[in-house]
N, C-alpha and C. Protein backbone atom coordinates (compact mmCIF):
# COMPACT_ATOMS: atom_id res chain seq x y z
N MET A 1 0.84 -1.18 -0.08
CA MET A 1 0.09 -0.02 0.04
C MET A 1 0.83 1.24 0.03
N VAL A 2 1.98 1.26 0.81
CA VAL A 2 2.86 2.42 0.89
C VAL A 2 3.52 2.59 -0.37
N ARG A 3 4.01 1.41 -0.95
CA ARG A 3 4.69 1.63 -2.28
C ARG A 3 3.72 2.23 -3.38
N LYS A 4 2.54 1.79 -3.34
CA LYS A 4 1.52 2.29 -4.27
C LYS A 4 1.30 3.68 -4.17
N TRP A 5 1.31 4.19 -2.84
CA TRP A 5 1.10 5.57 -2.58
C TRP A 5 2.39 6.40 -3.02
N LEU A 6 3.46 5.85 -2.75
CA LEU A 6 4.83 6.51 -3.26
C LEU A 6 4.69 6.60 -4.71
N PHE A 7 4.33 5.49 -5.41
CA PHE A 7 4.37 5.54 -6.86
C PHE A 7 3.37 6.61 -7.40
N VAL A 8 2.30 6.71 -6.81
CA VAL A 8 1.24 7.63 -7.26
C VAL A 8 1.79 9.10 -7.08
N ALA A 9 2.44 9.31 -5.79
CA ALA A 9 2.93 10.61 -5.38
C ALA A 9 3.99 11.00 -6.31
N THR A 10 4.85 10.05 -6.72
CA THR A 10 5.87 10.39 -7.71
C THR A 10 5.54 10.75 -9.00
N ILE A 11 4.47 10.08 -9.60
CA ILE A 11 3.90 10.39 -10.88
C ILE A 11 3.25 11.72 -10.84
N THR A 12 2.49 11.99 -9.80
CA THR A 12 2.05 13.33 -9.61
C THR A 12 3.04 14.42 -9.67
N LEU A 13 4.06 14.27 -8.88
CA LEU A 13 5.10 15.21 -8.75
C LEU A 13 5.86 15.40 -10.24
N VAL A 14 6.21 14.40 -10.80
CA VAL A 14 6.84 14.49 -12.14
C VAL A 14 5.76 15.10 -13.09
N GLY A 15 4.47 14.86 -13.05
CA GLY A 15 3.54 15.60 -13.82
C GLY A 15 3.65 17.08 -13.65
N LYS A 16 3.65 17.49 -12.34
CA LYS A 16 3.65 18.90 -12.03
C LYS A 16 4.89 19.50 -12.44
N LEU A 17 6.07 18.84 -12.43
CA LEU A 17 7.18 19.41 -12.85
C LEU A 17 7.42 19.55 -14.45
N ASN A 18 6.83 18.57 -15.12
CA ASN A 18 6.77 18.68 -16.50
C ASN A 18 5.83 19.90 -16.90
N ALA A 19 4.81 20.10 -16.18
CA ALA A 19 3.82 21.21 -16.56
C ALA A 19 4.70 22.44 -16.31
N GLN A 20 5.28 22.66 -15.18
CA GLN A 20 6.09 23.85 -15.01
C GLN A 20 7.13 24.04 -16.05
N THR A 21 7.77 22.95 -16.47
CA THR A 21 8.86 23.03 -17.48
C THR A 21 8.29 23.44 -18.85
N GLU A 22 7.19 23.01 -19.15
CA GLU A 22 6.38 23.37 -20.46
C GLU A 22 5.89 24.72 -20.39
N LYS A 23 5.56 25.31 -19.24
CA LYS A 23 5.01 26.65 -19.12
C LYS A 23 5.94 27.74 -19.92
N ASP A 24 5.23 28.35 -20.76
CA ASP A 24 6.02 29.49 -21.57
C ASP A 24 5.96 30.75 -20.71
N TRP A 25 7.01 30.80 -19.76
CA TRP A 25 6.90 31.92 -18.78
C TRP A 25 7.20 33.28 -19.36
N ALA A 26 7.94 33.40 -20.30
CA ALA A 26 8.18 34.60 -21.03
C ALA A 26 7.15 34.93 -22.15
N GLN A 27 6.34 33.79 -22.53
CA GLN A 27 5.32 33.82 -23.56
C GLN A 27 5.98 34.36 -25.06
N PHE A 28 6.91 33.57 -25.31
CA PHE A 28 7.61 33.55 -26.58
C PHE A 28 6.51 33.34 -27.74
N ASN A 29 5.60 32.49 -27.38
CA ASN A 29 4.61 32.08 -28.37
C ASN A 29 3.64 33.08 -28.79
N LYS A 30 3.42 34.08 -28.08
CA LYS A 30 2.37 35.03 -28.24
C LYS A 30 2.55 35.63 -29.70
N TYR A 31 3.67 36.18 -29.91
CA TYR A 31 3.92 36.94 -31.15
C TYR A 31 4.74 35.99 -32.18
N GLU A 32 4.90 34.81 -31.98
CA GLU A 32 5.75 33.98 -32.92
C GLU A 32 5.36 33.98 -34.41
N LYS A 33 4.04 33.78 -34.63
CA LYS A 33 3.61 33.91 -35.97
C LYS A 33 3.69 35.26 -36.66
N SER A 34 3.19 36.16 -35.68
CA SER A 34 3.31 37.67 -36.19
C SER A 34 4.72 38.07 -36.55
N ASN A 35 5.55 37.65 -35.75
CA ASN A 35 7.01 37.98 -35.90
C ASN A 35 7.57 37.49 -37.38
N ASP A 36 7.13 36.36 -37.59
CA ASP A 36 7.55 35.81 -38.94
C ASP A 36 7.01 36.68 -40.04
N LEU A 37 5.89 37.33 -39.95
CA LEU A 37 5.23 38.12 -40.98
C LEU A 37 5.98 39.46 -40.93
N VAL A 38 6.32 39.87 -39.74
CA VAL A 38 6.97 41.17 -39.59
C VAL A 38 8.32 41.14 -40.13
N LYS A 39 8.99 40.09 -40.06
CA LYS A 39 10.38 40.07 -40.54
C LYS A 39 10.52 40.23 -42.06
N ILE A 40 9.48 39.92 -42.86
CA ILE A 40 9.46 40.06 -44.33
C ILE A 40 9.10 41.38 -44.74
N LEU A 41 8.62 42.29 -43.84
CA LEU A 41 8.16 43.58 -44.27
C LEU A 41 9.31 44.46 -44.52
N PRO A 42 9.06 45.47 -45.39
CA PRO A 42 10.26 46.33 -45.76
C PRO A 42 10.65 47.08 -44.51
N GLN A 43 11.82 47.52 -44.39
CA GLN A 43 12.40 48.19 -43.15
C GLN A 43 11.48 49.32 -42.66
N ARG A 44 10.90 50.03 -43.53
CA ARG A 44 10.17 51.33 -43.01
C ARG A 44 8.85 50.87 -42.33
N GLU A 45 8.52 49.77 -42.54
CA GLU A 45 7.32 49.24 -41.90
C GLU A 45 7.62 48.42 -40.59
N ARG A 46 8.71 48.40 -40.22
CA ARG A 46 9.09 47.75 -38.83
C ARG A 46 10.13 48.39 -38.15
N ASN A 47 10.11 49.71 -38.36
CA ASN A 47 11.20 50.62 -37.93
C ASN A 47 11.07 50.84 -36.52
N VAL A 48 9.97 50.81 -35.95
CA VAL A 48 9.80 51.10 -34.57
C VAL A 48 8.91 49.97 -33.90
N VAL A 49 9.51 49.40 -32.78
CA VAL A 49 8.88 48.31 -31.93
C VAL A 49 8.58 48.84 -30.59
N PHE A 50 7.44 48.63 -30.22
CA PHE A 50 6.95 48.99 -28.80
C PHE A 50 7.17 47.68 -27.83
N MET A 51 8.05 47.62 -26.86
CA MET A 51 8.15 46.72 -25.83
C MET A 51 7.53 47.13 -24.46
N GLY A 52 6.57 46.27 -23.99
CA GLY A 52 5.96 46.63 -22.80
C GLY A 52 5.01 45.54 -22.29
N ASN A 53 4.18 46.09 -21.32
CA ASN A 53 3.07 45.07 -20.66
C ASN A 53 1.80 45.43 -21.12
N SER A 54 0.77 45.14 -20.39
CA SER A 54 -0.72 45.50 -20.64
C SER A 54 -0.84 46.94 -21.34
N ILE A 55 -0.07 47.81 -20.67
CA ILE A 55 -0.35 49.22 -21.02
C ILE A 55 0.03 49.44 -22.59
N THR A 56 1.08 48.73 -22.97
CA THR A 56 1.48 48.63 -24.43
C THR A 56 0.51 47.86 -25.13
N GLU A 57 0.15 46.73 -24.68
CA GLU A 57 -0.76 45.86 -25.39
C GLU A 57 -2.15 46.37 -25.60
N GLY A 58 -2.68 47.20 -24.67
CA GLY A 58 -3.94 47.71 -24.55
C GLY A 58 -3.82 48.77 -25.48
N TRP A 59 -2.75 49.55 -25.71
CA TRP A 59 -2.65 50.67 -26.53
C TRP A 59 -3.23 50.37 -27.97
N TYR A 60 -2.77 49.21 -28.37
CA TYR A 60 -3.18 48.82 -29.83
C TYR A 60 -4.68 48.54 -29.80
N ARG A 61 -5.26 48.02 -28.84
CA ARG A 61 -6.75 47.62 -28.67
C ARG A 61 -7.61 48.97 -28.67
N PHE A 62 -7.10 49.92 -27.85
CA PHE A 62 -7.85 51.20 -27.82
C PHE A 62 -7.64 52.19 -29.01
N ASP A 63 -6.41 52.09 -29.68
CA ASP A 63 -6.09 53.00 -30.71
C ASP A 63 -5.22 52.30 -31.81
N SER A 64 -5.76 51.36 -32.42
CA SER A 64 -4.94 50.68 -33.41
C SER A 64 -4.43 51.42 -34.50
N SER A 65 -5.20 52.55 -34.81
CA SER A 65 -4.85 53.41 -36.01
C SER A 65 -3.42 54.05 -35.78
N PHE A 66 -3.26 54.30 -34.51
CA PHE A 66 -1.94 55.02 -34.13
C PHE A 66 -0.79 53.99 -34.79
N PHE A 67 -0.76 52.70 -34.38
CA PHE A 67 0.16 51.79 -34.95
C PHE A 67 0.13 51.55 -36.35
N ILE A 68 -1.12 51.18 -36.84
CA ILE A 68 -1.33 51.02 -38.28
C ILE A 68 -0.74 52.19 -39.21
N GLU A 69 -1.18 53.28 -38.92
CA GLU A 69 -0.95 54.47 -39.76
C GLU A 69 0.61 54.91 -39.75
N ASN A 70 1.30 54.72 -38.46
CA ASN A 70 2.60 55.06 -38.34
C ASN A 70 3.45 53.78 -38.54
N LYS A 71 3.03 52.65 -39.01
CA LYS A 71 3.84 51.44 -39.12
C LYS A 71 4.59 51.16 -38.00
N TYR A 72 4.04 51.21 -36.77
CA TYR A 72 4.68 50.80 -35.58
C TYR A 72 4.14 49.43 -35.24
N ILE A 73 5.18 48.60 -34.65
CA ILE A 73 4.85 47.25 -34.17
C ILE A 73 4.66 47.18 -32.64
N ASP A 74 3.67 46.66 -32.18
CA ASP A 74 3.24 46.54 -30.88
C ASP A 74 3.67 45.20 -30.19
N ARG A 75 4.55 45.14 -29.24
CA ARG A 75 4.90 43.98 -28.65
C ARG A 75 4.62 43.88 -27.16
N GLY A 76 3.58 44.36 -26.68
CA GLY A 76 3.15 44.39 -25.26
C GLY A 76 2.47 43.01 -24.86
N ILE A 77 2.72 42.66 -23.65
CA ILE A 77 2.12 41.52 -23.14
C ILE A 77 1.62 41.67 -21.82
N SER A 78 0.41 41.54 -21.60
CA SER A 78 -0.35 41.88 -20.20
C SER A 78 0.32 41.20 -19.07
N GLY A 79 0.55 41.91 -18.00
CA GLY A 79 1.02 41.26 -16.75
C GLY A 79 2.57 41.12 -16.53
N GLN A 80 3.26 41.38 -17.69
CA GLN A 80 4.65 41.16 -17.71
C GLN A 80 5.55 42.00 -16.93
N THR A 81 6.62 41.49 -16.36
CA THR A 81 7.58 42.23 -15.65
C THR A 81 8.79 42.52 -16.57
N THR A 82 9.74 43.35 -16.18
CA THR A 82 10.84 43.62 -16.88
C THR A 82 11.70 42.26 -17.01
N SER A 83 11.73 41.45 -16.16
CA SER A 83 12.55 40.22 -16.25
C SER A 83 11.96 39.34 -17.46
N GLN A 84 10.60 39.23 -17.67
CA GLN A 84 10.06 38.46 -18.73
C GLN A 84 10.26 39.27 -20.02
N MET A 85 10.19 40.59 -20.01
CA MET A 85 10.50 41.29 -21.33
C MET A 85 11.89 41.23 -21.71
N LEU A 86 12.83 41.05 -20.74
CA LEU A 86 14.28 40.84 -21.07
C LEU A 86 14.55 39.47 -21.59
N VAL A 87 13.76 38.61 -21.17
CA VAL A 87 13.97 37.29 -21.78
C VAL A 87 13.55 37.13 -23.12
N ARG A 88 12.41 37.79 -23.55
CA ARG A 88 11.94 37.73 -24.89
C ARG A 88 12.38 38.85 -25.68
N PHE A 89 13.28 39.69 -25.26
CA PHE A 89 13.72 40.85 -26.07
C PHE A 89 14.31 40.44 -27.41
N ARG A 90 15.06 39.44 -27.47
CA ARG A 90 15.72 38.83 -28.68
C ARG A 90 14.63 38.57 -29.79
N LYS A 91 13.60 37.77 -29.30
CA LYS A 91 12.70 37.19 -30.31
C LYS A 91 11.68 38.42 -30.70
N ASP A 92 11.20 39.31 -29.79
CA ASP A 92 10.31 40.28 -30.19
C ASP A 92 10.83 41.63 -30.47
N VAL A 93 12.02 41.77 -30.34
CA VAL A 93 12.68 43.03 -30.80
C VAL A 93 14.00 42.90 -31.65
N ILE A 94 14.86 42.30 -31.11
CA ILE A 94 16.23 42.36 -31.96
C ILE A 94 16.00 41.58 -33.28
N ASP A 95 15.20 40.37 -33.23
CA ASP A 95 15.03 39.62 -34.54
C ASP A 95 14.24 40.27 -35.52
N LEU A 96 13.61 41.34 -35.14
CA LEU A 96 12.72 42.08 -36.11
C LEU A 96 13.64 43.21 -36.80
N HIS A 97 14.71 43.55 -36.36
CA HIS A 97 15.66 44.51 -36.85
C HIS A 97 15.03 45.83 -36.92
N PRO A 98 14.39 46.45 -35.94
CA PRO A 98 13.95 47.73 -36.16
C PRO A 98 15.08 48.74 -35.87
N SER A 99 14.80 50.05 -36.11
CA SER A 99 15.67 51.23 -35.88
C SER A 99 15.66 51.61 -34.36
N TYR A 100 14.38 51.51 -33.85
CA TYR A 100 14.22 52.03 -32.56
C TYR A 100 13.42 51.03 -31.75
N VAL A 101 13.50 51.05 -30.46
CA VAL A 101 12.66 50.34 -29.51
C VAL A 101 11.98 51.28 -28.38
N VAL A 102 10.75 51.25 -28.21
CA VAL A 102 10.28 52.12 -27.20
C VAL A 102 9.92 51.23 -26.06
N ILE A 103 10.57 51.43 -24.93
CA ILE A 103 10.43 50.60 -23.81
C ILE A 103 9.58 51.27 -22.64
N LEU A 104 8.54 50.66 -22.38
CA LEU A 104 7.62 51.24 -21.19
C LEU A 104 7.43 50.04 -20.36
N SER A 105 7.99 50.01 -19.24
CA SER A 105 7.95 48.89 -18.34
C SER A 105 8.32 49.28 -16.94
N GLY A 106 7.82 48.33 -16.00
CA GLY A 106 8.28 48.57 -14.63
C GLY A 106 7.29 48.48 -13.42
N THR A 107 5.92 48.81 -13.98
CA THR A 107 4.91 48.97 -13.06
C THR A 107 4.43 47.62 -12.46
N ASN A 108 4.52 46.52 -13.36
CA ASN A 108 4.24 45.15 -12.82
C ASN A 108 5.31 44.74 -11.92
N ASP A 109 6.48 45.11 -11.96
CA ASP A 109 7.57 44.77 -11.00
C ASP A 109 7.21 45.33 -9.67
N ILE A 110 6.88 46.65 -9.70
CA ILE A 110 6.51 47.30 -8.39
C ILE A 110 5.23 46.60 -7.83
N ALA A 111 4.41 46.14 -8.70
CA ALA A 111 3.25 45.48 -8.21
C ALA A 111 3.49 44.13 -7.75
N GLN A 112 4.65 43.59 -7.95
CA GLN A 112 5.32 42.17 -7.50
C GLN A 112 4.40 41.14 -8.11
N ASN A 113 4.32 41.32 -9.48
CA ASN A 113 3.64 40.24 -10.24
C ASN A 113 4.27 38.91 -10.16
N GLN A 114 5.72 39.05 -10.15
CA GLN A 114 6.49 37.92 -10.02
C GLN A 114 7.29 37.83 -8.61
N GLY A 115 6.75 38.47 -7.75
CA GLY A 115 7.55 38.51 -6.59
C GLY A 115 8.35 39.83 -6.33
N PHE A 116 8.96 39.97 -5.17
CA PHE A 116 9.54 41.24 -4.92
C PHE A 116 10.84 41.43 -5.79
N ILE A 117 10.95 42.68 -6.35
CA ILE A 117 12.15 43.09 -6.96
C ILE A 117 12.46 44.46 -6.55
N SER A 118 13.84 44.90 -6.36
CA SER A 118 14.23 46.25 -5.84
C SER A 118 14.15 47.19 -7.12
N LEU A 119 14.02 48.51 -6.92
CA LEU A 119 13.99 49.47 -8.09
C LEU A 119 15.34 49.30 -8.67
N GLU A 120 16.42 49.20 -8.04
CA GLU A 120 17.77 49.00 -8.58
C GLU A 120 17.76 47.85 -9.65
N ASN A 121 17.08 46.65 -9.33
CA ASN A 121 17.08 45.54 -10.26
C ASN A 121 16.09 45.84 -11.39
N ILE A 122 15.01 46.56 -11.14
CA ILE A 122 13.98 46.88 -12.25
C ILE A 122 14.83 47.80 -13.20
N LEU A 123 15.69 48.82 -12.68
CA LEU A 123 16.46 49.66 -13.75
C LEU A 123 17.44 48.67 -14.31
N GLY A 124 18.09 47.78 -13.51
CA GLY A 124 19.04 46.84 -14.20
C GLY A 124 18.48 46.03 -15.37
N ASN A 125 17.19 45.62 -15.27
CA ASN A 125 16.57 44.85 -16.37
C ASN A 125 16.41 45.76 -17.60
N ILE A 126 15.94 47.01 -17.49
CA ILE A 126 15.73 47.92 -18.44
C ILE A 126 17.08 48.37 -19.07
N VAL A 127 18.20 48.43 -18.31
CA VAL A 127 19.45 48.84 -18.73
C VAL A 127 19.96 47.83 -19.63
N SER A 128 19.69 46.49 -19.22
CA SER A 128 20.05 45.34 -20.13
C SER A 128 19.31 45.33 -21.43
N MET A 129 17.97 45.55 -21.48
CA MET A 129 17.24 45.66 -22.72
C MET A 129 18.02 46.81 -23.56
N CYS A 130 18.46 48.03 -23.05
CA CYS A 130 18.96 49.02 -23.81
C CYS A 130 20.37 48.61 -24.31
N GLU A 131 21.04 47.78 -23.46
CA GLU A 131 22.51 47.40 -23.95
C GLU A 131 22.34 46.34 -25.11
N LEU A 132 21.35 45.63 -24.82
CA LEU A 132 21.01 44.53 -26.09
C LEU A 132 20.73 45.25 -27.36
N ALA A 133 19.87 46.25 -27.22
CA ALA A 133 19.38 46.98 -28.32
C ALA A 133 20.66 47.78 -28.99
N GLU A 134 21.40 48.41 -28.21
CA GLU A 134 22.67 49.11 -28.66
C GLU A 134 23.42 48.13 -29.47
N ALA A 135 23.70 47.03 -28.81
CA ALA A 135 24.66 46.00 -29.31
C ALA A 135 24.29 45.58 -30.83
N HIS A 136 22.92 45.84 -31.12
CA HIS A 136 22.28 45.47 -32.34
C HIS A 136 21.87 46.65 -33.23
N LYS A 137 22.48 47.81 -32.83
CA LYS A 137 22.29 49.02 -33.59
C LYS A 137 20.68 49.40 -33.59
N ILE A 138 20.11 49.13 -32.45
CA ILE A 138 18.74 49.68 -32.41
C ILE A 138 18.82 50.66 -31.22
N LYS A 139 18.23 51.88 -31.58
CA LYS A 139 18.25 52.94 -30.53
C LYS A 139 17.16 52.69 -29.58
N PRO A 140 17.37 52.63 -28.30
CA PRO A 140 16.38 52.60 -27.24
C PRO A 140 15.84 53.93 -26.98
N ILE A 141 14.49 53.93 -26.69
CA ILE A 141 13.79 55.09 -26.14
C ILE A 141 13.05 54.77 -24.88
N ILE A 142 13.45 55.16 -23.80
CA ILE A 142 13.10 54.95 -22.59
C ILE A 142 11.82 55.66 -22.20
N CYS A 143 10.73 55.10 -21.73
CA CYS A 143 9.61 55.93 -21.17
C CYS A 143 9.47 55.81 -19.72
N SER A 144 8.97 56.94 -19.26
CA SER A 144 8.50 57.01 -17.77
C SER A 144 7.42 55.95 -17.45
N VAL A 145 7.51 55.46 -16.30
CA VAL A 145 6.38 54.55 -15.85
C VAL A 145 5.23 55.51 -15.64
N LEU A 146 3.94 55.09 -15.98
CA LEU A 146 2.76 55.71 -15.82
C LEU A 146 2.39 55.85 -14.28
N PRO A 147 1.64 56.91 -13.87
CA PRO A 147 1.41 57.06 -12.51
C PRO A 147 0.24 55.89 -12.03
N ALA A 148 0.36 55.67 -10.93
CA ALA A 148 -0.62 54.75 -10.18
C ALA A 148 -0.58 55.11 -8.65
N TYR A 149 -1.87 55.39 -8.18
CA TYR A 149 -1.85 55.57 -6.70
C TYR A 149 -1.84 54.17 -5.99
N ASP A 150 -2.53 53.14 -6.41
CA ASP A 150 -2.47 51.83 -5.94
C ASP A 150 -2.83 50.83 -6.90
N TYR A 151 -2.54 49.54 -6.72
CA TYR A 151 -2.83 48.47 -7.70
C TYR A 151 -4.13 47.89 -7.15
N PRO A 152 -5.17 47.65 -8.02
CA PRO A 152 -6.38 47.02 -7.56
C PRO A 152 -6.28 45.65 -7.40
N TRP A 153 -5.27 44.99 -7.90
CA TRP A 153 -4.95 43.57 -7.70
C TRP A 153 -3.98 43.36 -6.65
N ARG A 154 -3.27 44.30 -6.11
CA ARG A 154 -2.44 44.09 -4.94
C ARG A 154 -2.15 45.47 -4.20
N LYS A 155 -2.99 45.57 -3.29
CA LYS A 155 -3.10 46.89 -2.56
C LYS A 155 -1.95 47.03 -1.56
N GLY A 156 -1.66 48.43 -1.23
CA GLY A 156 -0.79 48.81 -0.29
C GLY A 156 0.79 48.75 -0.51
N LEU A 157 1.08 48.73 -1.80
CA LEU A 157 2.59 48.69 -2.15
C LEU A 157 3.10 50.17 -2.55
N SER A 158 2.33 51.19 -2.37
CA SER A 158 2.74 52.54 -2.41
C SER A 158 3.41 52.95 -3.81
N PRO A 159 2.77 52.46 -4.90
CA PRO A 159 3.41 52.82 -6.31
C PRO A 159 3.48 54.29 -6.40
N ASN A 160 2.64 55.10 -5.82
CA ASN A 160 2.60 56.49 -6.02
C ASN A 160 3.92 57.11 -5.34
N GLU A 161 4.69 56.37 -4.60
CA GLU A 161 6.08 56.84 -4.16
C GLU A 161 7.05 56.08 -4.97
N LYS A 162 6.84 54.89 -5.25
CA LYS A 162 7.94 54.08 -5.86
C LYS A 162 8.06 54.40 -7.38
N ILE A 163 6.95 54.64 -8.01
CA ILE A 163 7.21 54.89 -9.42
C ILE A 163 7.76 56.18 -9.74
N PRO A 164 7.62 57.35 -9.08
CA PRO A 164 8.30 58.61 -9.23
C PRO A 164 9.99 58.34 -8.99
N ALA A 165 10.14 57.52 -7.98
CA ALA A 165 11.48 57.16 -7.71
C ALA A 165 12.32 56.40 -8.86
N LEU A 166 11.55 55.38 -9.29
CA LEU A 166 12.05 54.73 -10.44
C LEU A 166 12.23 55.60 -11.74
N ASN A 167 11.22 56.45 -11.97
CA ASN A 167 11.27 57.48 -13.08
C ASN A 167 12.49 58.38 -13.00
N LYS A 168 12.82 58.77 -11.81
CA LYS A 168 14.11 59.55 -11.66
C LYS A 168 15.40 58.78 -12.11
N MET A 169 15.23 57.45 -11.57
CA MET A 169 16.49 56.62 -11.99
C MET A 169 16.57 56.42 -13.58
N LEU A 170 15.44 56.20 -14.17
CA LEU A 170 15.46 56.02 -15.61
C LEU A 170 15.81 57.22 -16.33
N GLU A 171 15.32 58.36 -15.84
CA GLU A 171 15.55 59.53 -16.61
C GLU A 171 17.11 59.85 -16.41
N ALA A 172 17.70 59.57 -15.13
CA ALA A 172 19.22 59.83 -14.98
C ALA A 172 19.92 58.93 -15.88
N TYR A 173 19.72 57.61 -16.02
CA TYR A 173 20.23 56.81 -16.92
C TYR A 173 20.09 57.30 -18.37
N ALA A 174 19.06 57.62 -18.77
CA ALA A 174 18.98 57.98 -20.25
C ALA A 174 19.72 59.29 -20.55
N LYS A 175 19.82 60.13 -19.51
CA LYS A 175 20.68 61.33 -19.64
C LYS A 175 22.15 61.04 -19.92
N GLU A 176 22.52 60.12 -18.79
CA GLU A 176 23.87 59.64 -18.97
C GLU A 176 24.29 59.03 -20.13
N LYS A 177 23.31 58.22 -20.76
CA LYS A 177 23.76 57.55 -22.12
C LYS A 177 23.33 58.25 -23.31
N LYS A 178 22.70 59.43 -22.97
CA LYS A 178 22.18 60.15 -24.20
C LYS A 178 21.13 59.46 -24.92
N PHE A 179 20.31 58.63 -24.27
CA PHE A 179 19.18 58.13 -24.92
C PHE A 179 17.81 59.05 -24.76
N THR A 180 16.97 58.87 -25.63
CA THR A 180 15.74 59.56 -25.51
C THR A 180 14.89 59.14 -24.41
N TYR A 181 14.33 60.04 -23.62
CA TYR A 181 13.47 59.80 -22.51
C TYR A 181 12.14 60.42 -22.70
N VAL A 182 11.17 59.73 -22.71
CA VAL A 182 9.79 60.04 -22.91
C VAL A 182 9.09 60.15 -21.63
N ASN A 183 8.75 61.40 -21.20
CA ASN A 183 8.11 61.58 -19.91
C ASN A 183 6.54 61.85 -19.93
N TYR A 184 5.89 60.78 -19.71
CA TYR A 184 4.37 60.88 -19.84
C TYR A 184 3.81 61.28 -18.47
N PHE A 185 4.61 61.16 -17.30
CA PHE A 185 4.07 61.31 -15.98
C PHE A 185 3.48 62.56 -15.65
N PRO A 186 4.08 63.77 -16.03
CA PRO A 186 3.59 65.07 -15.62
C PRO A 186 2.13 65.35 -16.24
N LYS A 187 1.92 64.70 -17.43
CA LYS A 187 0.70 64.99 -18.26
C LYS A 187 -0.42 64.11 -17.70
N MET A 188 -0.02 63.02 -16.95
CA MET A 188 -1.08 62.07 -16.69
C MET A 188 -1.31 61.92 -15.14
N ALA A 189 -0.46 62.54 -14.27
CA ALA A 189 -0.55 62.31 -12.93
C ALA A 189 -1.41 63.39 -12.27
N ASP A 190 -2.08 62.94 -11.17
CA ASP A 190 -2.86 63.95 -10.27
C ASP A 190 -1.84 64.50 -9.21
N ASP A 191 -2.49 65.19 -8.22
CA ASP A 191 -1.64 65.83 -7.13
C ASP A 191 -1.22 64.70 -6.11
N LYS A 192 -1.71 63.41 -6.21
CA LYS A 192 -1.31 62.33 -5.31
C LYS A 192 -0.39 61.41 -5.99
N ASN A 193 0.21 61.78 -7.13
CA ASN A 193 0.85 60.75 -8.10
C ASN A 193 0.13 59.54 -8.43
N GLY A 194 -1.28 59.64 -8.54
CA GLY A 194 -1.96 58.68 -9.17
C GLY A 194 -2.30 59.04 -10.64
N MET A 195 -3.07 58.29 -11.33
CA MET A 195 -3.28 58.80 -12.68
C MET A 195 -4.63 59.44 -12.65
N GLN A 196 -4.66 60.53 -13.52
CA GLN A 196 -5.92 61.35 -13.50
C GLN A 196 -7.22 60.43 -13.77
N THR A 197 -8.21 60.57 -13.11
CA THR A 197 -9.51 59.84 -13.28
C THR A 197 -9.89 59.78 -14.67
N LYS A 198 -9.80 60.87 -15.30
CA LYS A 198 -10.47 61.06 -16.75
C LYS A 198 -9.55 60.20 -17.72
N LEU A 199 -8.30 59.83 -17.28
CA LEU A 199 -7.40 59.20 -18.33
C LEU A 199 -7.32 57.65 -18.05
N THR A 200 -8.01 57.22 -17.13
CA THR A 200 -7.79 55.77 -16.87
C THR A 200 -9.26 55.11 -16.52
N TYR A 201 -9.25 53.66 -16.80
CA TYR A 201 -10.51 53.02 -16.26
C TYR A 201 -10.38 52.23 -15.07
N ASP A 202 -9.13 52.10 -14.47
CA ASP A 202 -9.02 51.34 -13.21
C ASP A 202 -7.86 51.86 -12.26
N GLY A 203 -7.22 53.06 -12.77
CA GLY A 203 -6.19 53.84 -11.87
C GLY A 203 -4.87 53.44 -12.31
N VAL A 204 -4.65 52.43 -13.21
CA VAL A 204 -3.39 51.90 -13.67
C VAL A 204 -3.32 51.96 -15.21
N HIS A 205 -4.32 51.57 -15.85
CA HIS A 205 -4.34 51.39 -17.30
C HIS A 205 -5.02 52.62 -17.97
N PRO A 206 -4.43 53.14 -18.96
CA PRO A 206 -5.13 54.32 -19.66
C PRO A 206 -6.33 53.99 -20.31
N ASN A 207 -7.29 54.86 -20.53
CA ASN A 207 -8.32 54.71 -21.41
C ASN A 207 -8.01 55.32 -22.80
N LYS A 208 -9.00 55.47 -23.58
CA LYS A 208 -8.70 56.03 -24.92
C LYS A 208 -8.22 57.48 -24.75
N GLU A 209 -8.66 58.26 -23.84
CA GLU A 209 -8.26 59.60 -23.59
C GLU A 209 -6.89 59.72 -23.24
N GLY A 210 -6.43 58.74 -22.30
CA GLY A 210 -5.06 58.49 -21.82
C GLY A 210 -4.14 58.14 -22.91
N TYR A 211 -4.58 57.27 -23.72
CA TYR A 211 -3.54 57.03 -24.84
C TYR A 211 -3.44 58.15 -25.73
N ILE A 212 -4.42 58.94 -25.92
CA ILE A 212 -4.27 60.13 -26.81
C ILE A 212 -3.22 61.03 -26.32
N ILE A 213 -3.27 61.43 -24.90
CA ILE A 213 -2.22 62.20 -24.24
C ILE A 213 -0.87 61.54 -24.53
N MET A 214 -0.71 60.28 -24.36
CA MET A 214 0.57 59.53 -24.63
C MET A 214 1.12 59.83 -26.08
N GLU A 215 0.25 59.64 -26.96
CA GLU A 215 0.55 59.86 -28.27
C GLU A 215 0.88 61.31 -28.62
N LYS A 216 0.32 62.21 -28.03
CA LYS A 216 0.59 63.59 -28.28
C LYS A 216 2.16 63.92 -27.66
N VAL A 217 2.54 63.23 -26.67
CA VAL A 217 3.84 63.33 -26.14
C VAL A 217 4.90 62.62 -26.90
N LEU A 218 4.54 61.42 -27.32
CA LEU A 218 5.53 60.48 -28.11
C LEU A 218 5.72 60.77 -29.47
N LEU A 219 4.61 61.16 -30.15
CA LEU A 219 4.64 61.08 -31.67
C LEU A 219 5.65 62.21 -32.21
N PRO A 220 5.62 63.44 -31.59
CA PRO A 220 6.56 64.40 -32.08
C PRO A 220 8.03 63.99 -31.92
N ILE A 221 8.30 63.16 -30.83
CA ILE A 221 9.68 62.76 -30.65
C ILE A 221 10.06 61.78 -31.51
N LEU A 222 9.20 60.79 -31.95
CA LEU A 222 9.44 59.75 -32.96
C LEU A 222 9.67 60.40 -34.37
N LYS A 223 8.81 61.32 -34.70
CA LYS A 223 8.79 61.92 -35.94
C LYS A 223 10.09 62.63 -36.09
N LYS A 224 10.74 63.32 -35.11
CA LYS A 224 11.92 64.03 -35.08
C LYS A 224 12.97 63.06 -35.20
N LEU A 225 13.05 62.02 -34.48
CA LEU A 225 14.14 61.06 -34.52
C LEU A 225 14.13 60.35 -35.93
N ARG A 226 12.99 60.05 -36.55
CA ARG A 226 12.99 59.34 -37.81
C ARG A 226 13.31 60.37 -38.96
C-alpha cells in the first residue's frame, strides 16, 4: 500500500514538474507567428517596435490606428515584468531588426507580479534591454512609468511613491547614455501621483483619452528621430 502511494505521489510530482517546465513563462509563443510576418516587411514598416506590458498591449486595442498609420509594431504582453521582457527581447525586438525600440515597463515589477524586486534591479533589467538594443544597432527610447496611486490587484505597495523614484532613475540613466527619455508622468498624474481619473478606467491602465495624451507626447519625438 505504501509503495503504491509513493508511486502515485511520484507520478503526480513528475507531472507537475513537467507542466512547470512546459510553461511558456516569457510567452515567446504570443507573437511567434506575427514576428515571422513582420520579418519580411520592408524596413520602413518595422522601424519602431514597442516593448511593454498590458499598457502597451492595450494601446493597440484602444487605438490601433496609431500603430497602423505610423507602421509601428506592438509587442506588449499583459502582466509582464521587466524580467520577462528581457528574456523575450531577442525574439520580439532584436530579430525584427527595427531602428528604434520604445520601452515602457516597470509597473508590474513594483506590483510584485513575479515577486519582490528592488527598484535598482528593475532599472538593471531595463538597462540590459537598452544594452542589447545598442549592441544590435537599435536605438532605445526609455519611457517613464505611468502614474498609479495603488494597484487594484495588490493593495498597499505605495506605487505613488515608488514609480516617481524609479522614473528619476530611468531619466538619469537616459541622460547619462544620451538616450531619448519620454516623460508621460507630468501629463497624466494627479496631485497624489495617481493617474488622473479622466485618463484611466482602473487607476493603472489608460483609457482612450489617456492613450491620446501619450500619443501627443510621443509622436513628435518619434517623428523628429526618424
